[in-house]
Amino acid sequence: MKLVDYGILFWVLVATLLLPLQLAQREWIVYGQYERQYHKKMDNAIDDALFYMVEQDDFKSVKINREECVDSFYHSFYGNFGLMRNPMGQTRIKQHLPLISIIELNRMSIAYRKPIQKEGEWQLEEYWSPYYSYQYEEDGYQYEFSIGNLKDWVRIYSLGQKEWIEGLRLDLANKNKDFSWMRDAERFEQIRRHTVIETIKKNMQEVINRYNLIGIQYGKQYEFYLPEIETQPWCRTLDDMGIIVLFQGYPVDSLMGDTYDRFLYAGARTYKQEKEIEIRKEE
């Protein structure tokens, strides 16, 4: 009798240990399927947004159409998630998109929503942040850097003389000893890239903080966070105009309550080059 009891106990213990592992494995498989589907849906929306982002680009003069870019993203995004004719569904899923950043050659801006009061009721409406330049201050001068093909072009504001000058970093460094530090290409590049990343990170964090405060007022349980940009694979290639999208906390149909999160940057010129290669291949 005891042998039978021990045998039953053994299988009960085995089942107790294996069942959670099997459930976890199943959940990972299911989540992986959702992740691949959602990645594709978001990538398609990003591609559509980038198609309309740059209105003119001859590498000397660039004209950005940020409104059409963001509108195109949402239009494609809703269609990819099957919500084109579902306004309530659009409202729900949009709550998981706290911001879209438009990265230009010498500045950035952020599309977000903020509460306004209409007829005694609070509503979330679309807004644009101010434009933020990539600014760095040192020894009485305010430097404004650029990215992409303009990364050697610098605008400098003298806080003492209250005037702007601009030009190529080496030309400016050779004309004024106060700017001699810019002769060091490695130091200049390090400061320039750090300034760009910090400008993007700081202003996106401020938007997310405000968005979380709105969420508390509306009784939402999810709190958005900004992943460390420096640890993102695309951070090393973030040196041209493009868009950054944060999609976070979107529920996945699973037993463990998993959510889908995506934080990505896509460059407009990289996208354009890839599309030109695709067209050539088709020809």
Protein backbone atom coordinates (compact mmCIF):
# COMPACT_ATOMS: atom_id res chain seq x y z
CA MET A 1 0.00 0.00 0.00
CA LYS A 2 2.86 2.33 0.89
CA LEU A 3 4.57 1.66 -2.48
CA VAL A 4 1.39 2.68 -4.27
CA ASP A 5 1.09 5.80 -2.13
CA TYR A 6 4.72 6.79 -2.87
CA GLY A 7 4.13 6.20 -6.59
CA ILE A 8 1.09 8.43 -6.63
CA LEU A 9 2.96 11.09 -4.62
CA PHE A 10 5.86 10.92 -7.10
CA TRP A 11 3.60 11.57 -10.10
CA VAL A 12 1.74 14.32 -8.27
CA LEU A 13 5.07 16.04 -7.59
CA VAL A 14 6.18 15.58 -11.21
CA ALA A 15 2.90 17.04 -12.49
CA THR A 16 3.14 19.93 -10.03
CA LEU A 17 6.61 20.81 -11.31
CA LEU A 18 6.05 20.21 -15.02
CA LEU A 19 2.64 21.82 -15.43
CA PRO A 20 3.83 25.40 -14.72
CA LEU A 21 6.79 24.86 -17.07
CA GLN A 22 4.50 23.61 -19.82
CA LEU A 23 2.12 26.54 -19.30
CA ALA A 24 5.01 29.01 -19.34
CA GLN A 25 6.40 27.44 -22.52
CA ARG A 26 2.98 27.62 -24.17
CA GLU A 27 2.63 31.27 -23.14
CA TRP A 28 6.03 32.13 -24.62
CA ILE A 29 5.06 30.48 -27.90
CA VAL A 30 1.74 32.34 -28.00
CA TYR A 31 3.41 35.64 -27.08
CA GLY A 32 6.05 35.10 -29.76
CA GLN A 33 3.32 34.71 -32.36
CA TYR A 34 1.62 37.93 -31.24
CA GLU A 35 4.95 39.74 -31.11
CA ARG A 36 5.79 38.84 -34.71
CA GLN A 37 2.33 39.91 -35.88
CA TYR A 38 2.45 43.20 -33.98
CA HIS A 39 6.01 43.92 -35.11
CA LYS A 40 4.87 43.61 -38.71
CA LYS A 41 1.80 45.79 -38.14
CA MET A 42 3.91 48.52 -36.55
CA ASP A 43 6.66 48.29 -39.17
CA ASN A 44 4.07 48.77 -41.92
CA ALA A 45 2.64 51.82 -40.12
CA ILE A 46 6.14 53.27 -39.72
CA ASP A 47 6.86 52.74 -43.43
CA ASP A 48 3.67 54.55 -44.40
CA ALA A 49 4.50 57.44 -42.06
CA LEU A 50 8.03 57.82 -43.45
CA PHE A 51 6.67 57.86 -47.00
CA TYR A 52 4.93 61.16 -46.24
CA MET A 53 7.43 62.62 -43.78
CA VAL A 54 9.90 64.30 -46.14
CA GLU A 55 8.28 66.67 -48.61
CA GLN A 56 11.54 67.94 -50.07
CA ASP A 57 15.11 66.69 -49.63
CA ASP A 58 18.01 67.70 -51.84
CA PHE A 59 20.53 67.28 -48.97
CA LYS A 60 20.86 71.09 -48.80
CA SER A 61 17.25 72.02 -48.15
CA VAL A 62 14.89 69.66 -46.33
CA LYS A 63 11.19 70.26 -45.78
CA ILE A 64 9.43 68.05 -43.22
CA ASN A 65 5.68 67.47 -43.14
CA ARG A 66 5.23 66.26 -39.58
CA GLU A 67 1.42 66.49 -39.51
CA GLU A 68 0.97 64.32 -42.59
CA CYS A 69 3.60 61.91 -41.27
CA VAL A 70 1.75 61.35 -37.98
CA ASP A 71 -1.69 61.22 -39.64
CA SER A 72 -0.40 58.59 -42.06
CA PHE A 73 1.02 56.55 -39.19
CA TYR A 74 -2.30 56.46 -37.34
CA HIS A 75 -4.29 55.72 -40.48
CA SER A 76 -2.05 52.75 -41.33
CA PHE A 77 -1.80 51.68 -37.67
CA TYR A 78 -5.58 51.47 -37.24
CA GLY A 79 -5.93 49.61 -40.53
CA ASN A 80 -3.23 47.08 -39.64
CA PHE A 81 -4.93 46.35 -36.31
CA GLY A 82 -8.36 46.02 -37.96
CA LEU A 83 -9.76 49.17 -36.32
CA MET A 84 -10.37 51.40 -39.33
CA ARG A 85 -14.14 51.45 -38.74
CA ASN A 86 -14.02 51.10 -34.97
CA PRO A 87 -13.69 54.54 -33.28
CA MET A 88 -13.92 53.05 -29.78
CA GLY A 89 -11.20 50.55 -30.60
CA GLN A 90 -9.04 53.34 -31.99
CA THR A 91 -9.46 55.32 -28.77
CA ARG A 92 -8.49 52.31 -26.65
CA ILE A 93 -5.39 51.37 -28.62
CA LYS A 94 -4.26 54.98 -28.92
CA GLN A 95 -4.00 55.09 -25.13
CA HIS A 96 -0.97 52.85 -25.53
CA LEU A 97 0.78 55.34 -27.84
CA PRO A 98 1.78 58.20 -25.53
CA LEU A 99 4.04 59.94 -28.04
CA ILE A 100 5.50 60.09 -31.53
CA SER A 101 8.73 62.08 -31.89
CA ILE A 102 9.69 63.72 -35.16
CA ILE A 103 13.47 63.95 -35.47
CA GLU A 104 14.66 66.65 -37.85
CA LEU A 105 18.20 67.64 -38.86
CA ASN A 106 18.50 70.50 -36.38
CA ARG A 107 15.51 70.05 -34.05
CA MET A 108 12.82 67.69 -32.78
CA SER A 109 9.17 67.87 -31.79
CA ILE A 110 6.68 65.51 -30.18
CA ALA A 111 3.07 64.66 -31.03
CA TYR A 112 1.09 63.87 -27.88
CA ARG A 113 -2.26 64.42 -26.20
CA LYS A 114 -3.15 66.61 -23.26
CA PRO A 115 -6.41 67.28 -21.39
CA ILE A 116 -8.47 70.36 -22.11
CA GLN A 117 -11.84 71.35 -20.68
CA LYS A 118 -14.77 71.70 -23.07
CA GLU A 119 -18.27 72.50 -21.84
CA GLY A 120 -17.38 71.40 -18.32
CA GLU A 121 -15.83 68.07 -19.39
CA TRP A 122 -12.19 67.04 -19.72
CA GLN A 123 -11.12 65.66 -23.08
CA LEU A 124 -7.79 64.53 -24.54
CA GLU A 125 -6.81 66.48 -27.64
CA GLU A 126 -3.87 66.25 -30.03
CA TYR A 127 -1.02 68.67 -29.48
CA TRP A 128 2.48 69.35 -30.70
CA SER A 129 5.31 70.22 -28.37
CA PRO A 130 7.48 73.24 -29.17
CA TYR A 131 10.49 72.62 -31.39
CA TYR A 132 13.57 71.65 -29.39
CA SER A 133 17.03 72.38 -30.77
CA TYR A 134 20.01 70.17 -29.95
CA GLN A 135 21.59 72.68 -27.56
CA TYR A 136 24.78 72.54 -25.55
CA GLU A 137 26.13 75.35 -23.35
CA GLU A 138 29.76 75.94 -22.39
CA ASP A 139 31.87 78.95 -21.33
CA GLY A 140 29.29 81.59 -22.19
CA TYR A 141 28.28 80.12 -25.53
CA GLN A 142 25.21 78.17 -26.57
CA TYR A 143 25.88 75.67 -29.34
CA GLU A 144 23.18 74.23 -31.59
CA PHE A 145 24.18 71.01 -33.33
CA SER A 146 22.71 69.14 -36.28
CA ILE A 147 22.54 65.53 -37.46
CA GLY A 148 22.78 63.73 -40.80
CA ASN A 149 24.66 65.47 -43.59
CA LEU A 150 24.68 68.71 -41.54
CA LYS A 151 26.50 67.25 -38.53
CA ASP A 152 29.56 69.51 -39.06
CA TRP A 153 27.40 72.64 -39.23
CA VAL A 154 27.14 74.55 -35.94
CA ARG A 155 25.15 77.59 -34.80
CA ILE A 156 26.64 79.45 -31.83
CA TYR A 157 24.99 82.09 -29.66
CA SER A 158 27.17 84.39 -27.57
CA LEU A 159 25.41 84.92 -24.26
CA GLY A 160 27.56 87.99 -23.64
CA GLN A 161 27.32 89.71 -27.04
CA LYS A 162 23.76 88.50 -27.72
CA GLU A 163 24.46 87.46 -31.30
CA TRP A 164 24.49 84.33 -33.47
CA ILE A 165 27.20 83.01 -35.76
CA GLU A 166 27.14 79.80 -37.75
CA GLY A 167 29.31 77.75 -40.04
CA LEU A 168 31.39 74.58 -40.34
CA ARG A 169 33.04 73.54 -37.08
CA LEU A 170 36.63 73.77 -38.40
CA ASP A 171 36.05 77.19 -39.97
CA LEU A 172 34.60 78.52 -36.73
CA ALA A 173 37.33 76.89 -34.64
CA ASN A 174 40.07 78.51 -36.76
CA LYS A 175 38.47 81.96 -36.60
CA ASN A 176 37.91 82.14 -32.84
CA LYS A 177 40.09 80.58 -30.12
CA ASP A 178 36.99 80.21 -27.91
CA PHE A 179 35.83 77.49 -30.31
CA SER A 180 39.22 75.78 -30.66
CA TRP A 181 37.89 72.70 -28.86
CA MET A 182 35.91 71.89 -32.01
CA ARG A 183 39.17 71.11 -33.85
CA ASP A 184 39.19 67.83 -31.96
CA ALA A 185 36.87 65.79 -34.20
CA GLU A 186 36.48 62.99 -31.64
CA ARG A 187 35.52 65.34 -28.80
CA PHE A 188 33.19 67.31 -31.04
CA GLU A 189 31.43 64.14 -32.20
CA GLN A 190 31.10 62.84 -28.65
CA ILE A 191 29.53 66.09 -27.40
CA ARG A 192 27.31 66.45 -30.46
CA ARG A 193 25.88 62.93 -30.25
CA HIS A 194 25.44 63.14 -26.48
CA THR A 195 23.60 66.45 -26.86
CA VAL A 196 21.24 65.02 -29.50
CA ILE A 197 20.43 61.92 -27.44
CA GLU A 198 19.95 63.89 -24.21
CA THR A 199 17.66 66.43 -25.94
CA ILE A 200 15.47 63.63 -27.30
CA LYS A 201 15.44 61.70 -24.03
CA LYS A 202 14.74 64.69 -21.77
CA ASN A 203 11.80 66.00 -23.76
CA MET A 204 10.21 62.59 -24.31
CA GLN A 205 10.51 61.88 -20.58
CA GLU A 206 8.69 65.12 -19.76
CA VAL A 207 5.82 64.15 -22.07
CA ILE A 208 5.60 60.67 -20.53
CA ASN A 209 5.57 62.13 -17.01
CA ARG A 210 2.63 64.38 -17.95
CA TYR A 211 0.87 61.46 -19.64
CA ASN A 212 1.21 59.37 -16.47
CA LEU A 213 -0.30 62.19 -14.40
CA ILE A 214 -3.25 62.24 -16.80
CA GLY A 215 -3.56 58.47 -16.36
CA ILE A 216 -3.76 58.81 -12.59
CA GLN A 217 -6.55 61.38 -12.93
CA TYR A 218 -8.48 59.05 -15.24
CA GLY A 219 -7.95 56.06 -12.95
CA LYS A 220 -5.69 54.10 -15.29
CA GLN A 221 -3.50 51.44 -13.72
CA TYR A 222 -0.74 51.31 -16.34
CA GLU A 223 2.23 53.65 -15.96
CA PHE A 224 4.37 54.40 -19.01
CA TYR A 225 8.13 54.48 -18.81
CA LEU A 226 10.88 55.51 -21.20
CA PRO A 227 13.40 52.71 -21.85
CA GLU A 228 17.06 53.64 -21.72
CA ILE A 229 17.73 55.03 -25.18
CA GLU A 230 21.46 54.28 -24.92
CA THR A 231 20.73 50.54 -24.64
CA GLN A 232 18.53 50.47 -27.75
CA PRO A 233 20.19 48.88 -30.80
CA TRP A 234 19.08 51.77 -33.02
CA CYS A 235 20.70 54.39 -30.77
CA ARG A 236 24.03 53.86 -32.56
CA THR A 237 22.40 54.69 -35.90
CA LEU A 238 20.26 57.60 -34.70
CA ASP A 239 21.99 60.28 -36.71
CA ASP A 240 19.46 61.34 -39.31
CA MET A 241 15.90 62.60 -39.53
CA GLY A 242 13.17 60.09 -38.75
CA ILE A 243 10.52 59.19 -36.17
CA ILE A 244 10.48 57.55 -32.75
CA VAL A 245 7.36 55.69 -31.61
CA LEU A 246 6.57 54.33 -28.15
CA PHE A 247 3.84 51.68 -28.00
CA GLN A 248 3.50 50.22 -24.53
CA GLY A 249 1.27 48.07 -22.34
CA TYR A 250 -0.97 46.71 -25.11
CA PRO A 251 -2.72 43.56 -23.75
CA VAL A 252 -1.91 40.21 -25.35
CA ASP A 253 -4.48 37.40 -25.16
CA SER A 254 -2.68 35.15 -22.65
CA LEU A 255 -3.17 33.50 -19.26
CA MET A 256 -0.24 35.41 -17.73
CA GLY A 257 -1.50 38.90 -18.59
CA ASP A 258 1.38 39.70 -20.94
CA THR A 259 1.56 43.04 -22.73
CA TYR A 260 3.22 44.05 -25.97
CA ASP A 261 5.82 46.84 -25.84
CA ARG A 262 7.78 48.45 -28.67
CA PHE A 263 10.11 51.44 -28.68
CA LEU A 264 11.66 52.13 -32.06
CA TYR A 265 13.34 54.67 -34.27
CA ALA A 266 13.24 54.64 -38.07
CA GLY A 267 15.29 56.92 -40.28
CA ALA A 268 13.63 58.61 -43.24
CA ARG A 269 16.64 58.48 -45.55
CA THR A 270 17.38 54.86 -44.65
CA TYR A 271 13.77 54.03 -45.51
CA LYS A 272 14.04 55.93 -48.80
CA GLN A 273 17.25 54.12 -49.78
CA GLU A 274 15.70 50.72 -48.98
CA LYS A 275 12.63 51.53 -51.10
CA GLU A 276 14.82 52.64 -54.01
CA ILE A 277 16.70 49.32 -53.80
CA GLU A 278 13.39 47.42 -53.80
CA ILE A 279 12.20 49.32 -56.89
CA ARG A 280 15.45 48.56 -58.72
CA LYS A 281 15.11 44.88 -57.84
CA GLU A 282 11.56 44.79 -59.21
CA GLU A 283 12.71 46.39 -62.45
